């Protein structure tokens, strides 16, 4: 291989994973490392060192995915202490309107929400620390959404906030929602067990 070929290979190699800090403290939009050529696309959605450099909790213990049709809304979900976890969420196919809600008492954005446009085409993700409720609305179906979480699923701690109870403006006002999600409590009735810590962003109280 000559020098020109080596330089060309370097110039077309995947770029570093990029992080953009969001309004809710500890939340990030993540742009994946991506390489495209005549064969297709190579994507690296996770690199431990890149998350470690930013002090983000990223010892993922479990991964799963959902496949959803048009106008499906899932959320707003989280696990209560001591089973809370951080998560990395992204689309493999389709596109979603991703929603994060801050449930950390003492946070400067407690009770506030933030939305992110995630899609397979953009090769991006949302990183959400503990104490953030998460949900999404499908914008392009079918939508295959992957989750990496730092704690395993615990049915006893699986909780949620009603999707239409915290002032968010969703693109679809009559989404397809499960019976379980439709029965979730409104934010105003929720006594949060999460405590904001500006140093770690995932300190938890015991459940009340």
C-alpha atoms as a PDB file:
ATOM      1  CA  UNK A   1       0.000   0.000   0.000  1.00  0.00           C
ATOM      2  CA  UNK A   2       1.444   3.377  -1.004  1.00  0.00           C
ATOM      3  CA  UNK A   3       1.313   6.678   0.917  1.00  0.00           C
ATOM      4  CA  UNK A   4      -1.657   8.000  -1.075  1.00  0.00           C
ATOM      5  CA  UNK A   5      -3.700   4.904  -0.280  1.00  0.00           C
ATOM      6  CA  UNK A   6      -2.828   5.130   3.406  1.00  0.00           C
ATOM      7  CA  UNK A   7      -3.859   8.797   3.576  1.00  0.00           C
ATOM      8  CA  UNK A   8      -7.106   8.064   1.729  1.00  0.00           C
ATOM      9  CA  UNK A   9      -7.947   5.279   4.192  1.00  0.00           C
ATOM     10  CA  UNK A  10      -7.309   7.629   7.115  1.00  0.00           C
ATOM     11  CA  UNK A  11      -9.496  10.358   5.617  1.00  0.00           C
ATOM     12  CA  UNK A  12     -12.435   7.980   5.203  1.00  0.00           C
ATOM     13  CA  UNK A  13     -12.123   6.276   8.586  1.00  0.00           C
ATOM     14  CA  UNK A  14     -14.949   6.631  11.160  1.00  0.00           C
ATOM     15  CA  UNK A  15     -15.059   9.915  13.069  1.00  0.00           C
ATOM     16  CA  UNK A  16     -15.028  10.066  16.862  1.00  0.00           C
ATOM     17  CA  UNK A  17     -18.287   9.756  18.766  1.00  0.00           C
ATOM     18  CA  UNK A  18     -19.545  13.282  19.477  1.00  0.00           C
ATOM     19  CA  UNK A  19     -21.487  14.516  22.505  1.00  0.00           C
ATOM     20  CA  UNK A  20     -23.709  17.586  22.807  1.00  0.00           C
ATOM     21  CA  UNK A  21     -24.876  18.526  26.297  1.00  0.00           C
ATOM     22  CA  UNK A  22     -28.616  19.137  26.516  1.00  0.00           C
ATOM     23  CA  UNK A  23     -30.842  21.389  28.612  1.00  0.00           C
ATOM     24  CA  UNK A  24     -31.513  18.734  31.261  1.00  0.00           C
ATOM     25  CA  UNK A  25     -28.286  18.307  33.270  1.00  0.00           C
ATOM     26  CA  UNK A  26     -26.515  15.044  32.511  1.00  0.00           C
ATOM     27  CA  UNK A  27     -28.441  14.404  29.293  1.00  0.00           C
ATOM     28  CA  UNK A  28     -26.560  14.272  25.996  1.00  0.00           C
ATOM     29  CA  UNK A  29     -27.248  13.927  22.311  1.00  0.00           C
ATOM     30  CA  UNK A  30     -24.727  11.454  20.958  1.00  0.00           C
ATOM     31  CA  UNK A  31     -23.643  11.324  17.308  1.00  0.00           C
ATOM     32  CA  UNK A  32     -22.214   7.955  16.383  1.00  0.00           C
ATOM     33  CA  UNK A  33     -19.012   7.175  14.577  1.00  0.00           C
ATOM     34  CA  UNK A  34     -20.024   6.315  10.989  1.00  0.00           C
ATOM     35  CA  UNK A  35     -18.204   5.119   7.888  1.00  0.00           C
ATOM     36  CA  UNK A  36     -19.872   4.842   4.472  1.00  0.00           C
ATOM     37  CA  UNK A  37     -18.597   3.404   1.213  1.00  0.00           C
ATOM     38  CA  UNK A  38     -19.933   1.562  -1.857  1.00  0.00           C
ATOM     39  CA  UNK A  39     -20.866  -1.448   0.313  1.00  0.00           C
ATOM     40  CA  UNK A  40     -23.036   0.453   2.790  1.00  0.00           C
ATOM     41  CA  UNK A  41     -22.531   1.854   6.275  1.00  0.00           C
ATOM     42  CA  UNK A  42     -20.516   0.894   9.348  1.00  0.00           C
ATOM     43  CA  UNK A  43     -21.711   2.474  12.620  1.00  0.00           C
ATOM     44  CA  UNK A  44     -20.146   2.388  16.089  1.00  0.00           C
ATOM     45  CA  UNK A  45     -22.861   3.328  18.622  1.00  0.00           C
ATOM     46  CA  UNK A  46     -20.771   2.818  21.734  1.00  0.00           C
ATOM     47  CA  UNK A  47     -17.166   3.177  22.853  1.00  0.00           C
ATOM     48  CA  UNK A  48     -16.512   2.856  26.588  1.00  0.00           C
ATOM     49  CA  UNK A  49     -13.575   5.275  26.684  1.00  0.00           C
ATOM     50  CA  UNK A  50     -15.584   8.063  25.017  1.00  0.00           C
ATOM     51  CA  UNK A  51     -18.238   7.884  27.749  1.00  0.00           C
ATOM     52  CA  UNK A  52     -15.654   7.495  30.523  1.00  0.00           C
ATOM     53  CA  UNK A  53     -13.896  10.683  29.404  1.00  0.00           C
ATOM     54  CA  UNK A  54     -17.074  12.624  30.205  1.00  0.00           C
ATOM     55  CA  UNK A  55     -17.695  10.893  33.521  1.00  0.00           C
ATOM     56  CA  UNK A  56     -20.906   9.304  32.265  1.00  0.00           C
ATOM     57  CA  UNK A  57     -22.272   6.179  33.902  1.00  0.00           C
ATOM     58  CA  UNK A  58     -21.966   3.569  31.158  1.00  0.00           C
ATOM     59  CA  UNK A  59     -21.478   0.115  32.667  1.00  0.00           C
ATOM     60  CA  UNK A  60     -24.408  -1.270  30.691  1.00  0.00           C
ATOM     61  CA  UNK A  61     -25.915  -4.431  32.196  1.00  0.00           C
ATOM     62  CA  UNK A  62     -28.785  -5.101  29.812  1.00  0.00           C
ATOM     63  CA  UNK A  63     -29.864  -4.319  26.241  1.00  0.00           C
ATOM     64  CA  UNK A  64     -33.230  -4.683  24.540  1.00  0.00           C
ATOM     65  CA  UNK A  65     -35.187  -3.250  21.635  1.00  0.00           C
ATOM     66  CA  UNK A  66     -38.745  -2.382  20.663  1.00  0.00           C
ATOM     67  CA  UNK A  67     -40.340  -2.401  17.225  1.00  0.00           C
ATOM     68  CA  UNK A  68     -43.271  -0.010  16.828  1.00  0.00           C
ATOM     69  CA  UNK A  69     -45.739   0.984  14.144  1.00  0.00           C
ATOM     70  CA  UNK A  70     -47.083   4.395  13.067  1.00  0.00           C
ATOM     71  CA  UNK A  71     -48.030   6.899  15.788  1.00  0.00           C
ATOM     72  CA  UNK A  72     -47.114   4.546  18.641  1.00  0.00           C
ATOM     73  CA  UNK A  73     -46.160   6.308  21.860  1.00  0.00           C
ATOM     74  CA  UNK A  74     -44.234   4.494  24.590  1.00  0.00           C
ATOM     75  CA  UNK A  75     -43.599   6.198  27.928  1.00  0.00           C
ATOM     76  CA  UNK A  76     -42.858   7.857  30.151  1.00  0.00           C
ATOM     77  CA  UNK A  77     -40.834   5.093  31.830  1.00  0.00           C
ATOM     78  CA  UNK A  78     -38.111   4.763  34.485  1.00  0.00           C
ATOM     79  CA  UNK A  79     -37.015   2.469  37.305  1.00  0.00           C
ATOM     80  CA  UNK A  80     -37.192   3.733  40.874  1.00  0.00           C
ATOM     81  CA  UNK A  81     -34.348   3.398  43.391  1.00  0.00           C
ATOM     82  CA  UNK A  82     -32.526   1.289  44.238  1.00  0.00           C
ATOM     83  CA  UNK A  83     -32.958  -0.102  40.708  1.00  0.00           C
ATOM     84  CA  UNK A  84     -32.591   3.166  38.796  1.00  0.00           C
ATOM     85  CA  UNK A  85     -30.394   3.225  35.734  1.00  0.00           C
ATOM     86  CA  UNK A  86     -28.881   5.366  33.022  1.00  0.00           C
ATOM     87  CA  UNK A  87     -29.706   4.541  29.420  1.00  0.00           C
ATOM     88  CA  UNK A  88     -28.542   5.044  25.850  1.00  0.00           C
ATOM     89  CA  UNK A  89     -31.386   5.048  23.299  1.00  0.00           C
ATOM     90  CA  UNK A  90     -31.175   5.024  19.499  1.00  0.00           C
ATOM     91  CA  UNK A  91     -32.960   3.944  16.304  1.00  0.00           C
ATOM     92  CA  UNK A  92     -31.745   1.164  14.047  1.00  0.00           C
ATOM     93  CA  UNK A  93     -34.644   1.729  11.644  1.00  0.00           C
ATOM     94  CA  UNK A  94     -37.163   4.548  11.369  1.00  0.00           C
ATOM     95  CA  UNK A  95     -37.326   7.758  13.389  1.00  0.00           C
ATOM     96  CA  UNK A  96     -38.726   8.853  16.747  1.00  0.00           C
ATOM     97  CA  UNK A  97     -39.589  11.982  18.678  1.00  0.00           C
ATOM     98  CA  UNK A  98     -37.719  11.138  21.867  1.00  0.00           C
ATOM     99  CA  UNK A  99     -38.792  12.670  25.172  1.00  0.00           C
ATOM    100  CA  UNK A 100     -36.946  13.125  28.492  1.00  0.00           C
ATOM    101  CA  UNK A 101     -38.541  14.374  31.730  1.00  0.00           C
ATOM    102  CA  UNK A 102     -36.466  15.460  34.750  1.00  0.00           C
ATOM    103  CA  UNK A 103     -37.676  13.818  37.993  1.00  0.00           C
ATOM    104  CA  UNK A 104     -34.670  14.728  40.178  1.00  0.00           C
ATOM    105  CA  UNK A 105     -35.632  16.814  43.196  1.00  0.00           C
ATOM    106  CA  UNK A 106     -33.284  19.781  43.448  1.00  0.00           C
ATOM    107  CA  UNK A 107     -32.436  19.805  39.759  1.00  0.00           C
ATOM    108  CA  UNK A 108     -32.555  23.249  38.112  1.00  0.00           C
ATOM    109  CA  UNK A 109     -34.825  21.661  35.496  1.00  0.00           C
ATOM    110  CA  UNK A 110     -36.993  19.503  37.797  1.00  0.00           C
ATOM    111  CA  UNK A 111     -40.355  18.829  36.146  1.00  0.00           C
ATOM    112  CA  UNK A 112     -39.131  20.134  32.796  1.00  0.00           C
ATOM    113  CA  UNK A 113     -38.874  18.120  29.615  1.00  0.00           C
ATOM    114  CA  UNK A 114     -36.766  18.054  26.477  1.00  0.00           C
ATOM    115  CA  UNK A 115     -37.363  16.381  23.118  1.00  0.00           C
ATOM    116  CA  UNK A 116     -34.840  14.975  20.640  1.00  0.00           C
ATOM    117  CA  UNK A 117     -35.212  13.851  17.039  1.00  0.00           C
ATOM    118  CA  UNK A 118     -33.542  10.467  16.731  1.00  0.00           C
ATOM    119  CA  UNK A 119     -33.347   8.435  13.543  1.00  0.00           C
ATOM    120  CA  UNK A 120     -31.428   5.672  11.842  1.00  0.00           C
ATOM    121  CA  UNK A 121     -30.411   8.119   9.119  1.00  0.00           C
ATOM    122  CA  UNK A 122     -28.884  10.588  11.580  1.00  0.00           C
ATOM    123  CA  UNK A 123     -27.026   7.842  13.490  1.00  0.00           C
ATOM    124  CA  UNK A 124     -27.676   9.560  16.798  1.00  0.00           C
ATOM    125  CA  UNK A 125     -28.806   8.683  20.311  1.00  0.00           C
ATOM    126  CA  UNK A 126     -29.970  10.146  23.596  1.00  0.00           C
ATOM    127  CA  UNK A 127     -27.989   9.457  26.760  1.00  0.00           C
ATOM    128  CA  UNK A 128     -30.166   9.812  29.861  1.00  0.00           C
ATOM    129  CA  UNK A 129     -28.916   9.599  33.471  1.00  0.00           C
ATOM    130  CA  UNK A 130     -30.814   8.174  36.418  1.00  0.00           C
ATOM    131  CA  UNK A 131     -33.852  10.158  37.462  1.00  0.00           C
ATOM    132  CA  UNK A 132     -34.973  10.926  33.907  1.00  0.00           C
ATOM    133  CA  UNK A 133     -38.279   9.500  32.680  1.00  0.00           C
ATOM    134  CA  UNK A 134     -38.143   8.464  29.038  1.00  0.00           C
ATOM    135  CA  UNK A 135     -40.612   7.965  26.216  1.00  0.00           C
ATOM    136  CA  UNK A 136     -40.961   8.392  22.487  1.00  0.00           C
ATOM    137  CA  UNK A 137     -43.424   8.808  19.629  1.00  0.00           C
ATOM    138  CA  UNK A 138     -42.829   7.052  16.327  1.00  0.00           C
ATOM    139  CA  UNK A 139     -42.370   9.518  13.451  1.00  0.00           C
ATOM    140  CA  UNK A 140     -41.301   7.041  10.777  1.00  0.00           C
ATOM    141  CA  UNK A 141     -42.427   3.422  10.983  1.00  0.00           C
ATOM    142  CA  UNK A 142     -41.530   0.721  11.516  1.00  0.00           C
ATOM    143  CA  UNK A 143     -39.225   2.048  14.188  1.00  0.00           C
ATOM    144  CA  UNK A 144     -36.715  -0.284  15.819  1.00  0.00           C
ATOM    145  CA  UNK A 145     -35.397   1.350  18.991  1.00  0.00           C
ATOM    146  CA  UNK A 146     -32.454  -0.071  20.949  1.00  0.00           C
ATOM    147  CA  UNK A 147     -31.843   0.583  24.657  1.00  0.00           C
ATOM    148  CA  UNK A 148     -28.658  -0.035  26.637  1.00  0.00           C
ATOM    149  CA  UNK A 149     -29.233   0.299  30.391  1.00  0.00           C
ATOM    150  CA  UNK A 150     -26.893   0.224  33.390  1.00  0.00           C
ATOM    151  CA  UNK A 151     -29.228  -1.935  35.484  1.00  0.00           C
ATOM    152  CA  UNK A 152     -31.291  -5.019  34.807  1.00  0.00           C
ATOM    153  CA  UNK A 153     -35.075  -4.888  34.563  1.00  0.00           C
ATOM    154  CA  UNK A 154     -36.796  -4.966  37.963  1.00  0.00           C
ATOM    155  CA  UNK A 155     -40.597  -5.364  37.792  1.00  0.00           C
ATOM    156  CA  UNK A 156     -40.961  -4.177  41.393  1.00  0.00           C
ATOM    157  CA  UNK A 157     -39.309  -0.842  40.538  1.00  0.00           C
ATOM    158  CA  UNK A 158     -40.734  -0.311  37.053  1.00  0.00           C
ATOM    159  CA  UNK A 159     -42.712   2.938  37.090  1.00  0.00           C
ATOM    160  CA  UNK A 160     -43.899   5.741  34.840  1.00  0.00           C
ATOM    161  CA  UNK A 161     -45.499   9.152  34.408  1.00  0.00           C
ATOM    162  CA  UNK A 162     -48.483   9.726  32.139  1.00  0.00           C
ATOM    163  CA  UNK A 163     -47.323  10.973  28.762  1.00  0.00           C
ATOM    164  CA  UNK A 164     -49.812  13.864  28.659  1.00  0.00           C
ATOM    165  CA  UNK A 165     -49.416  15.193  32.205  1.00  0.00           C
ATOM    166  CA  UNK A 166     -46.342  17.445  32.150  1.00  0.00           C
ATOM    167  CA  UNK A 167     -47.050  20.006  29.439  1.00  0.00           C
ATOM    168  CA  UNK A 168     -45.147  18.440  26.545  1.00  0.00           C
ATOM    169  CA  UNK A 169     -46.249  19.200  22.998  1.00  0.00           C
ATOM    170  CA  UNK A 170     -46.279  15.914  21.101  1.00  0.00           C
ATOM    171  CA  UNK A 171     -46.499  15.838  17.275  1.00  0.00           C
ATOM    172  CA  UNK A 172     -49.461  13.444  17.539  1.00  0.00           C
ATOM    173  CA  UNK A 173     -52.354  14.291  19.882  1.00  0.00           C
ATOM    174  CA  UNK A 174     -54.057  10.885  19.611  1.00  0.00           C
ATOM    175  CA  UNK A 175     -51.188   8.381  19.668  1.00  0.00           C
ATOM    176  CA  UNK A 176     -51.404   4.617  19.953  1.00  0.00           C
ATOM    177  CA  UNK A 177     -50.754   3.918  23.649  1.00  0.00           C
ATOM    178  CA  UNK A 178     -50.818   0.747  25.736  1.00  0.00           C
ATOM    179  CA  UNK A 179     -53.405   0.279  28.494  1.00  0.00           C
ATOM    180  CA  UNK A 180     -50.574   0.235  31.008  1.00  0.00           C
ATOM    181  CA  UNK A 181     -49.141   3.566  29.822  1.00  0.00           C
ATOM    182  CA  UNK A 182     -52.565   5.187  29.678  1.00  0.00           C
ATOM    183  CA  UNK A 183     -53.069   4.301  33.357  1.00  0.00           C
ATOM    184  CA  UNK A 184     -49.811   5.849  34.594  1.00  0.00           C
ATOM    185  CA  UNK A 185     -50.044   8.598  37.227  1.00  0.00           C
ATOM    186  CA  UNK A 186     -49.760  12.294  36.328  1.00  0.00           C
ATOM    187  CA  UNK A 187     -46.597  14.170  37.270  1.00  0.00           C
ATOM    188  CA  UNK A 188     -48.394  16.309  39.870  1.00  0.00           C
ATOM    189  CA  UNK A 189     -49.229  13.205  41.933  1.00  0.00           C
ATOM    190  CA  UNK A 190     -45.736  11.737  41.794  1.00  0.00           C
ATOM    191  CA  UNK A 191     -43.491  11.965  44.889  1.00  0.00           C
ATOM    192  CA  UNK A 192     -40.063  11.601  43.326  1.00  0.00           C
ATOM    193  CA  UNK A 193     -37.473   9.342  45.002  1.00  0.00           C
ATOM    194  CA  UNK A 194     -34.661  10.869  42.933  1.00  0.00           C
ATOM    195  CA  UNK A 195     -32.322  13.539  44.299  1.00  0.00           C
ATOM    196  CA  UNK A 196     -30.227  15.712  42.020  1.00  0.00           C
ATOM    197  CA  UNK A 197     -26.487  15.719  42.640  1.00  0.00           C
ATOM    198  CA  UNK A 198     -24.534  18.154  40.416  1.00  0.00           C
ATOM    199  CA  UNK A 199     -21.372  16.075  40.839  1.00  0.00           C
ATOM    200  CA  UNK A 200     -22.742  12.700  39.763  1.00  0.00           C
ATOM    201  CA  UNK A 201     -26.209  13.503  38.331  1.00  0.00           C
ATOM    202  CA  UNK A 202     -27.467  10.086  39.428  1.00  0.00           C
ATOM    203  CA  UNK A 203     -27.546  10.136  43.247  1.00  0.00           C
ATOM    204  CA  UNK A 204     -30.692   8.437  44.550  1.00  0.00           C
ATOM    205  CA  UNK A 205     -32.764   8.583  47.707  1.00  0.00           C
ATOM    206  CA  UNK A 206     -34.460   5.518  49.094  1.00  0.00           C
ATOM    207  CA  UNK A 207     -37.984   5.064  47.718  1.00  0.00           C
ATOM    208  CA  UNK A 208     -40.611   7.025  49.655  1.00  0.00           C
END
